[in-house]
PDB file of N, CA and C in Angstrom:
ATOM      1  N   MET A   1      -3.698  14.389   8.282  1.00  0.00           N
ATOM      2  CA  MET A   1      -2.705  15.469   8.150  1.00  0.00           C
ATOM      3  C   MET A   1      -1.979  14.776   6.880  1.00  0.00           C
ATOM      4  N   MET A   2      -1.669  15.770   6.003  1.00  0.00           N
ATOM      5  CA  MET A   2      -1.016  15.677   4.763  1.00  0.00           C
ATOM      6  C   MET A   2       0.521  15.828   5.112  1.00  0.00           C
ATOM      7  N   LEU A   3       1.379  15.069   4.750  1.00  0.00           N
ATOM      8  CA  LEU A   3       2.922  15.009   4.954  1.00  0.00           C
ATOM      9  C   LEU A   3       3.356  15.794   3.869  1.00  0.00           C
ATOM     10  N   PRO A   4       4.465  16.587   4.053  1.00  0.00           N
ATOM     11  CA  PRO A   4       4.945  17.423   3.109  1.00  0.00           C
ATOM     12  C   PRO A   4       5.430  16.657   1.738  1.00  0.00           C
ATOM     13  N   GLU A   5       5.373  17.028   0.599  1.00  0.00           N
ATOM     14  CA  GLU A   5       5.736  16.456  -0.558  1.00  0.00           C
ATOM     15  C   GLU A   5       7.208  16.330  -0.765  1.00  0.00           C
ATOM     16  N   ASN A   6       7.865  17.284   0.023  1.00  0.00           N
ATOM     17  CA  ASN A   6       9.345  17.437  -0.270  1.00  0.00           C
ATOM     18  C   ASN A   6      10.326  16.421   0.656  1.00  0.00           C
ATOM     19  N   LEU A   7       9.543  15.379   1.562  1.00  0.00           N
ATOM     20  CA  LEU A   7      10.054  14.329   2.081  1.00  0.00           C
ATOM     21  C   LEU A   7      10.262  13.249   1.425  1.00  0.00           C
ATOM     22  N   ARG A   8      11.514  12.466   1.511  1.00  0.00           N
ATOM     23  CA  ARG A   8      11.751  11.216   0.779  1.00  0.00           C
ATOM     24  C   ARG A   8      10.902  10.160   1.207  1.00  0.00           C
ATOM     25  N   ARG A   9      10.314   9.533   0.072  1.00  0.00           N
ATOM     26  CA  ARG A   9       9.341   8.554   0.374  1.00  0.00           C
ATOM     27  C   ARG A   9       9.793   7.065   0.128  1.00  0.00           C
ATOM     28  N   GLU A  10       9.725   6.204   1.087  1.00  0.00           N
ATOM     29  CA  GLU A  10      10.112   4.851   0.964  1.00  0.00           C
ATOM     30  C   GLU A  10       8.613   3.984   0.621  1.00  0.00           C
ATOM     31  N   ILE A  11       8.548   3.567  -0.742  1.00  0.00           N
ATOM     32  CA  ILE A  11       7.333   2.659  -0.962  1.00  0.00           C
ATOM     33  C   ILE A  11       7.490   1.335  -0.546  1.00  0.00           C
ATOM     34  N   ILE A  12       6.519   0.670   0.113  1.00  0.00           N
ATOM     35  CA  ILE A  12       6.528  -0.602   0.611  1.00  0.00           C
ATOM     36  C   ILE A  12       5.041  -1.231  -0.114  1.00  0.00           C
ATOM     37  N   ILE A  13       5.320  -2.322  -0.949  1.00  0.00           N
ATOM     38  CA  ILE A  13       4.050  -2.859  -1.690  1.00  0.00           C
ATOM     39  C   ILE A  13       3.805  -3.992  -0.802  1.00  0.00           C
ATOM     40  N   ILE A  14       2.299  -4.094  -0.304  1.00  0.00           N
ATOM     41  CA  ILE A  14       1.905  -5.347   0.610  1.00  0.00           C
ATOM     42  C   ILE A  14       0.813  -5.877  -0.520  1.00  0.00           C
ATOM     43  N   GLU A  15       1.251  -7.205  -0.763  1.00  0.00           N
ATOM     44  CA  GLU A  15       0.397  -7.969  -1.516  1.00  0.00           C
ATOM     45  C   GLU A  15      -0.743  -8.990  -0.656  1.00  0.00           C
ATOM     46  N   PRO A  16      -1.804  -9.308  -1.129  1.00  0.00           N
ATOM     47  CA  PRO A  16      -2.607 -10.307  -0.410  1.00  0.00           C
ATOM     48  C   PRO A  16      -1.936 -11.676  -0.381  1.00  0.00           C
ATOM     49  N   THR A  17      -2.364 -12.282   0.636  1.00  0.00           N
ATOM     50  CA  THR A  17      -1.733 -13.749   0.938  1.00  0.00           C
ATOM     51  C   THR A  17      -2.602 -14.715  -0.107  1.00  0.00           C
ATOM     52  N   GLU A  18      -3.811 -14.324  -0.559  1.00  0.00           N
ATOM     53  CA  GLU A  18      -4.361 -15.083  -1.524  1.00  0.00           C
ATOM     54  C   GLU A  18      -4.027 -14.941  -3.017  1.00  0.00           C
ATOM     55  N   ALA A  19      -4.123 -15.964  -3.637  1.00  0.00           N
ATOM     56  CA  ALA A  19      -3.653 -15.911  -5.121  1.00  0.00           C
ATOM     57  C   ALA A  19      -4.528 -14.896  -6.028  1.00  0.00           C
ATOM     58  N   VAL A  20      -3.780 -14.053  -6.691  1.00  0.00           N
ATOM     59  CA  VAL A  20      -4.613 -12.927  -7.550  1.00  0.00           C
ATOM     60  C   VAL A  20      -4.401 -13.217  -8.901  1.00  0.00           C
ATOM     61  N   THR A  21      -3.944 -14.390  -9.382  1.00  0.00           N
ATOM     62  CA  THR A  21      -3.972 -14.880 -10.851  1.00  0.00           C
ATOM     63  C   THR A  21      -5.315 -14.698 -11.425  1.00  0.00           C
ATOM     64  N   GLY A  22      -5.340 -13.909 -12.358  1.00  0.00           N
ATOM     65  CA  GLY A  22      -6.467 -13.596 -13.110  1.00  0.00           C
ATOM     66  C   GLY A  22      -7.347 -12.316 -12.815  1.00  0.00           C
ATOM     67  N   CYS A  23      -6.691 -11.976 -11.610  1.00  0.00           N
ATOM     68  CA  CYS A  23      -7.388 -10.682 -11.167  1.00  0.00           C
ATOM     69  C   CYS A  23      -6.808  -9.266 -11.783  1.00  0.00           C
ATOM     70  N   THR A  24      -7.765  -8.359 -11.617  1.00  0.00           N
ATOM     71  CA  THR A  24      -7.131  -7.186 -12.202  1.00  0.00           C
ATOM     72  C   THR A  24      -7.084  -6.056 -11.063  1.00  0.00           C
ATOM     73  N   ILE A  25      -6.060  -5.328 -10.954  1.00  0.00           N
ATOM     74  CA  ILE A  25      -6.038  -4.347  -9.629  1.00  0.00           C
ATOM     75  C   ILE A  25      -7.181  -3.215 -10.122  1.00  0.00           C
ATOM     76  N   SER A  26      -7.809  -3.083  -8.923  1.00  0.00           N
ATOM     77  CA  SER A  26      -9.207  -2.020  -8.915  1.00  0.00           C
ATOM     78  C   SER A  26      -8.908  -0.934  -8.298  1.00  0.00           C
ATOM     79  N   GLY A  27      -7.880  -0.700  -7.615  1.00  0.00           N
ATOM     80  CA  GLY A  27      -7.461   0.494  -6.935  1.00  0.00           C
ATOM     81  C   GLY A  27      -6.549   0.104  -5.875  1.00  0.00           C
ATOM     82  N   GLU A  28      -6.298   1.023  -4.800  1.00  0.00           N
ATOM     83  CA  GLU A  28      -5.149   1.051  -3.689  1.00  0.00           C
ATOM     84  C   GLU A  28      -5.725   1.671  -2.624  1.00  0.00           C
ATOM     85  N   GLU A  29      -5.215   0.975  -1.500  1.00  0.00           N
ATOM     86  CA  GLU A  29      -5.250   2.081  -0.355  1.00  0.00           C
ATOM     87  C   GLU A  29      -3.930   2.454   0.068  1.00  0.00           C
ATOM     88  N   VAL A  30      -3.655   3.801   0.336  1.00  0.00           N
ATOM     89  CA  VAL A  30      -2.261   4.226   0.777  1.00  0.00           C
ATOM     90  C   VAL A  30      -2.313   4.759   2.295  1.00  0.00           C
ATOM     91  N   THR A  31      -1.270   4.226   3.106  1.00  0.00           N
ATOM     92  CA  THR A  31      -1.328   4.830   4.239  1.00  0.00           C
ATOM     93  C   THR A  31       0.226   5.258   4.592  1.00  0.00           C
ATOM     94  N   GLU A  32       0.344   6.786   4.941  1.00  0.00           N
ATOM     95  CA  GLU A  32       1.811   7.492   4.897  1.00  0.00           C
ATOM     96  C   GLU A  32       1.909   7.365   6.544  1.00  0.00           C
ATOM     97  N   VAL A  33       3.217   7.046   6.990  1.00  0.00           N
ATOM     98  CA  VAL A  33       3.689   7.168   8.371  1.00  0.00           C
ATOM     99  C   VAL A  33       4.916   7.945   8.321  1.00  0.00           C
ATOM    100  N   LEU A  34       5.054   8.992   9.356  1.00  0.00           N
ATOM    101  CA  LEU A  34       6.266   9.644   9.375  1.00  0.00           C
ATOM    102  C   LEU A  34       7.248   8.939  10.213  1.00  0.00           C
ATOM    103  N   ASP A  35       8.384   8.735   9.536  1.00  0.00           N
ATOM    104  CA  ASP A  35       9.549   7.949  10.362  1.00  0.00           C
ATOM    105  C   ASP A  35      10.727   8.998  10.310  1.00  0.00           C
ATOM    106  N   MET A  36      11.795   8.285  10.850  1.00  0.00           N
ATOM    107  CA  MET A  36      13.151   9.039  11.056  1.00  0.00           C
ATOM    108  C   MET A  36      14.334   7.985  11.160  1.00  0.00           C
ATOM    109  N   ILE A  37      15.162   8.409  10.324  1.00  0.00           N
ATOM    110  CA  ILE A  37      16.458   7.591  10.389  1.00  0.00           C
ATOM    111  C   ILE A  37      17.712   8.500  10.778  1.00  0.00           C
ATOM    112  N   SER A  38      18.476   8.389  11.639  1.00  0.00           N
ATOM    113  CA  SER A  38      19.684   9.452  11.905  1.00  0.00           C
ATOM    114  C   SER A  38      19.330  10.837  11.562  1.00  0.00           C
ATOM    115  N   ALA A  39      18.219  11.258  12.302  1.00  0.00           N
ATOM    116  CA  ALA A  39      17.690  12.685  12.151  1.00  0.00           C
ATOM    117  C   ALA A  39      17.305  12.996  10.884  1.00  0.00           C
ATOM    118  N   GLU A  40      16.967  12.325   9.854  1.00  0.00           N
ATOM    119  CA  GLU A  40      16.220  12.487   8.879  1.00  0.00           C
ATOM    120  C   GLU A  40      14.922  11.829   8.640  1.00  0.00           C
ATOM    121  N   PHE A  41      13.981  12.900   8.406  1.00  0.00           N
ATOM    122  CA  PHE A  41      12.468  12.465   8.618  1.00  0.00           C
ATOM    123  C   PHE A  41      12.239  12.066   6.978  1.00  0.00           C
ATOM    124  N   TYR A  42      11.567  10.990   6.796  1.00  0.00           N
ATOM    125  CA  TYR A  42      11.063  10.544   5.642  1.00  0.00           C
ATOM    126  C   TYR A  42       9.780   9.854   5.801  1.00  0.00           C
ATOM    127  N   VAL A  43       9.111   9.537   4.771  1.00  0.00           N
ATOM    128  CA  VAL A  43       7.621   8.969   4.591  1.00  0.00           C
ATOM    129  C   VAL A  43       7.610   7.588   4.170  1.00  0.00           C
ATOM    130  N   LYS A  44       7.089   6.515   5.142  1.00  0.00           N
ATOM    131  CA  LYS A  44       6.812   5.321   4.448  1.00  0.00           C
ATOM    132  C   LYS A  44       5.593   5.261   3.837  1.00  0.00           C
ATOM    133  N   ARG A  45       5.391   4.946   2.618  1.00  0.00           N
ATOM    134  CA  ARG A  45       3.984   4.682   1.887  1.00  0.00           C
ATOM    135  C   ARG A  45       3.729   3.343   1.854  1.00  0.00           C
ATOM    136  N   TYR A  46       2.624   2.733   2.439  1.00  0.00           N
ATOM    137  CA  TYR A  46       2.226   1.574   2.403  1.00  0.00           C
ATOM    138  C   TYR A  46       1.157   1.376   1.316  1.00  0.00           C
ATOM    139  N   VAL A  47       1.398   0.624   0.176  1.00  0.00           N
ATOM    140  CA  VAL A  47       0.264   0.640  -0.899  1.00  0.00           C
ATOM    141  C   VAL A  47      -0.277  -1.010  -0.791  1.00  0.00           C
ATOM    142  N   CYS A  48      -1.568  -0.992  -0.719  1.00  0.00           N
ATOM    143  CA  CYS A  48      -2.166  -2.283  -0.668  1.00  0.00           C
ATOM    144  C   CYS A  48      -3.125  -2.243  -2.028  1.00  0.00           C
ATOM    145  N   TYR A  49      -2.584  -3.021  -2.998  1.00  0.00           N
ATOM    146  CA  TYR A  49      -3.541  -3.029  -4.262  1.00  0.00           C
ATOM    147  C   TYR A  49      -4.827  -4.015  -3.857  1.00  0.00           C
ATOM    148  N   LYS A  50      -5.825  -3.512  -4.609  1.00  0.00           N
ATOM    149  CA  LYS A  50      -7.056  -4.096  -4.404  1.00  0.00           C
ATOM    150  C   LYS A  50      -7.316  -4.869  -5.943  1.00  0.00           C
ATOM    151  N   TYR A  51      -7.465  -6.119  -5.892  1.00  0.00           N
ATOM    152  CA  TYR A  51      -7.661  -6.942  -7.028  1.00  0.00           C
ATOM    153  C   TYR A  51      -8.949  -7.407  -7.170  1.00  0.00           C
ATOM    154  N   ALA A  52      -9.761  -7.216  -8.233  1.00  0.00           N
ATOM    155  CA  ALA A  52     -11.118  -7.762  -8.470  1.00  0.00           C
ATOM    156  C   ALA A  52     -10.967  -9.082  -9.583  1.00  0.00           C
ATOM    157  N   HIS A  53     -11.698  -9.909  -8.899  1.00  0.00           N
ATOM    158  CA  HIS A  53     -12.140 -11.189  -9.684  1.00  0.00           C
ATOM    159  C   HIS A  53     -12.413 -10.846 -11.080  1.00  0.00           C
ATOM    160  N   ALA A  54     -11.775 -11.883 -12.171  1.00  0.00           N
ATOM    161  CA  ALA A  54     -12.380 -11.407 -13.420  1.00  0.00           C
ATOM    162  C   ALA A  54     -13.898 -11.871 -13.641  1.00  0.00           C
ATOM    163  N   ASN A  55     -14.440 -12.708 -12.735  1.00  0.00           N
ATOM    164  CA  ASN A  55     -15.708 -13.222 -12.999  1.00  0.00           C
ATOM    165  C   ASN A  55     -16.570 -12.293 -12.079  1.00  0.00           C
ATOM    166  N   GLY A  56     -16.112 -10.992 -11.458  1.00  0.00           N
ATOM    167  CA  GLY A  56     -16.860 -10.259 -10.720  1.00  0.00           C
ATOM    168  C   GLY A  56     -17.365 -10.632  -9.397  1.00  0.00           C
ATOM    169  N   GLU A  57     -16.689 -11.864  -8.916  1.00  0.00           N
ATOM    170  CA  GLU A  57     -17.104 -12.431  -7.498  1.00  0.00           C
ATOM    171  C   GLU A  57     -16.146 -11.625  -6.424  1.00  0.00           C
ATOM    172  N   GLY A  58     -16.165 -10.327  -6.526  1.00  0.00           N
ATOM    173  CA  GLY A  58     -15.455  -9.826  -5.115  1.00  0.00           C
ATOM    174  C   GLY A  58     -14.054  -9.260  -5.663  1.00  0.00           C
ATOM    175  N   ILE A  59     -13.539  -8.727  -4.299  1.00  0.00           N
ATOM    176  CA  ILE A  59     -12.230  -8.040  -4.317  1.00  0.00           C
ATOM    177  C   ILE A  59     -11.301  -8.615  -3.422  1.00  0.00           C
ATOM    178  N   ILE A  60      -9.976  -8.700  -3.607  1.00  0.00           N
ATOM    179  CA  ILE A  60      -9.124  -9.338  -2.837  1.00  0.00           C
ATOM    180  C   ILE A  60      -8.188  -7.992  -2.369  1.00  0.00           C
ATOM    181  N   THR A  61      -7.797  -7.947  -1.290  1.00  0.00           N
ATOM    182  CA  THR A  61      -6.748  -7.027  -0.802  1.00  0.00           C
ATOM    183  C   THR A  61      -5.981  -7.533   0.415  1.00  0.00           C
ATOM    184  N   ALA A  62      -4.830  -7.078   0.642  1.00  0.00           N
ATOM    185  CA  ALA A  62      -3.886  -7.292   1.581  1.00  0.00           C
ATOM    186  C   ALA A  62      -4.488  -6.433   2.911  1.00  0.00           C
ATOM    187  N   SER A  63      -4.196  -7.243   4.159  1.00  0.00           N
ATOM    188  CA  SER A  63      -4.320  -6.334   5.378  1.00  0.00           C
ATOM    189  C   SER A  63      -3.028  -5.549   5.737  1.00  0.00           C
ATOM    190  N   LEU A  64      -3.369  -4.398   5.992  1.00  0.00           N
ATOM    191  CA  LEU A  64      -2.191  -3.498   6.175  1.00  0.00           C
ATOM    192  C   LEU A  64      -1.696  -3.865   7.911  1.00  0.00           C
ATOM    193  N   GLU A  65      -0.374  -4.165   7.873  1.00  0.00           N
ATOM    194  CA  GLU A  65       0.290  -4.363   9.100  1.00  0.00           C
ATOM    195  C   GLU A  65       1.442  -3.483   9.335  1.00  0.00           C
ATOM    196  N   LEU A  66       1.458  -2.394   9.945  1.00  0.00           N
ATOM    197  CA  LEU A  66       2.270  -1.476   9.866  1.00  0.00           C
ATOM    198  C   LEU A  66       3.841  -1.981  10.382  1.00  0.00           C
ATOM    199  N   GLN A  67       4.831  -1.872   9.817  1.00  0.00           N
ATOM    200  CA  GLN A  67       6.092  -2.188  10.153  1.00  0.00           C
ATOM    201  C   GLN A  67       7.218  -1.350  10.662  1.00  0.00           C
TER     202      GLN A  67
END
């Protein structure tokens, strides 16, 4: 389900626990969750960047743990 674009969004960046030095971001996975504060609906946007090793030996990404 797409959440309405007019809702305020709080963006939370989640980084991998591994070192990403020398890596390049190769994409992202975005998860949106409807939340509410004092009768205000807003969207929490979780962004997990994907990092590609410079030598082509794979991808590093953080695991999503909703808060």
